[in-house]
Amino acid sequence: ERARDYLHKTGRFIVIGGIVSPVHDSYGKTGLVSSRHRLTMCQLAVQSSDWIRVDPWECYQDTWQTTCSVLEHHRDLMK
C-alpha cells in the first residue's frame, strides 16, 4: 500500500496492480517455511485487497526460478 501510494504521489506512475509470488522451496534459505504454507499465508494476507493478487506459478515450478524468469512469466501473462 505504501509503495503504491508513494509511486502515485510522484506523479510519474499509476499502479494498476500488485503481484505476490512466493519463492520455490528449493530457494535454499534456512528456515524457509514450505511454499504451500507461504502461499496460503500470502493469499490470506491479500484477500481483502482489490489490487494485489497472489500468483502460485513460482511455487509450482520444478525448481527455483531466477527473478528474471519470474518477471518474464508475469510480463507474458500481461500481454
Protein backbone atom coordinates (compact mmCIF):
# COMPACT_ATOMS: atom_id res chain seq x y z
CA GLU A 1 0.00 0.00 0.00
CA ARG A 2 2.76 2.43 0.94
CA ALA A 3 4.77 1.72 -2.19
CA ARG A 4 1.72 2.25 -4.40
CA ASP A 5 0.85 5.48 -2.59
CA TYR A 6 4.41 6.74 -2.96
CA LEU A 7 4.53 5.95 -6.67
CA HIS A 8 1.19 7.69 -7.22
CA LYS A 9 2.41 10.77 -5.33
CA THR A 10 5.44 11.12 -7.62
CA GLY A 11 3.05 11.76 -10.48
CA ARG A 12 5.15 9.51 -12.69
CA PHE A 13 3.34 6.22 -12.17
CA ILE A 14 -0.15 4.80 -11.95
CA VAL A 15 -0.09 1.44 -10.18
CA ILE A 16 -2.87 -0.76 -11.51
CA GLY A 17 -1.98 -3.97 -9.70
CA GLY A 18 0.39 -5.81 -7.45
CA ILE A 19 1.60 -9.41 -7.51
CA VAL A 20 2.93 -11.52 -4.65
CA SER A 21 4.92 -14.52 -5.89
CA PRO A 22 6.18 -16.83 -3.13
CA VAL A 23 9.56 -18.37 -3.90
CA HIS A 24 10.02 -22.10 -4.63
CA ASP A 25 11.04 -24.43 -1.79
CA SER A 26 14.42 -25.12 -3.43
CA TYR A 27 15.46 -21.47 -2.99
CA GLY A 28 17.52 -22.80 -0.11
CA LYS A 29 17.05 -20.22 2.61
CA THR A 30 17.46 -21.78 6.05
CA GLY A 31 14.22 -21.87 8.00
CA LEU A 32 12.03 -21.10 4.98
CA VAL A 33 8.50 -22.37 5.61
CA SER A 34 7.15 -24.65 2.87
CA SER A 35 5.81 -22.90 -0.21
CA ARG A 36 2.40 -24.44 0.38
CA HIS A 37 2.14 -22.66 3.73
CA ARG A 38 3.66 -19.40 2.43
CA LEU A 39 1.24 -19.44 -0.49
CA THR A 40 -1.71 -19.83 1.89
CA MET A 41 -0.40 -17.05 4.15
CA CYS A 42 0.01 -14.72 1.18
CA GLN A 43 -3.50 -15.50 -0.09
CA LEU A 44 -4.94 -14.73 3.33
CA ALA A 45 -2.91 -11.52 3.56
CA VAL A 46 -4.30 -10.09 0.32
CA GLN A 47 -7.83 -11.47 0.39
CA SER A 48 -9.29 -8.04 1.18
CA SER A 49 -7.18 -6.21 -1.42
CA ASP A 50 -8.78 -5.10 -4.65
CA TRP A 51 -5.46 -4.62 -6.43
CA ILE A 52 -2.95 -7.19 -5.08
CA ARG A 53 -3.09 -10.83 -6.13
CA VAL A 54 -1.03 -13.93 -5.38
CA ASP A 55 0.40 -15.96 -8.23
CA PRO A 56 1.37 -19.56 -7.33
CA TRP A 57 3.33 -20.16 -10.57
CA GLU A 58 6.75 -19.84 -8.96
CA CYS A 59 5.87 -22.32 -6.19
CA TYR A 60 4.64 -24.90 -8.70
CA GLN A 61 7.77 -24.99 -10.87
CA ASP A 62 10.13 -27.99 -10.72
CA THR A 63 12.87 -25.89 -9.18
CA TRP A 64 13.76 -22.39 -8.02
CA GLN A 65 13.39 -19.71 -10.70
CA THR A 66 15.50 -16.61 -11.12
CA THR A 67 13.84 -13.25 -10.53
CA CYS A 68 14.22 -12.54 -14.24
CA SER A 69 12.28 -15.66 -15.26
CA VAL A 70 9.53 -14.86 -12.76
CA LEU A 71 9.24 -11.33 -14.13
CA GLU A 72 9.16 -12.72 -17.69
CA HIS A 73 6.32 -15.04 -16.67
CA HIS A 74 4.29 -12.11 -15.34
CA ARG A 75 5.13 -9.98 -18.38
CA ASP A 76 3.89 -12.76 -20.66
CA LEU A 77 0.64 -13.01 -18.69
CA MET A 78 0.01 -9.31 -19.19
CA LYS A 79 0.49 -9.46 -22.97
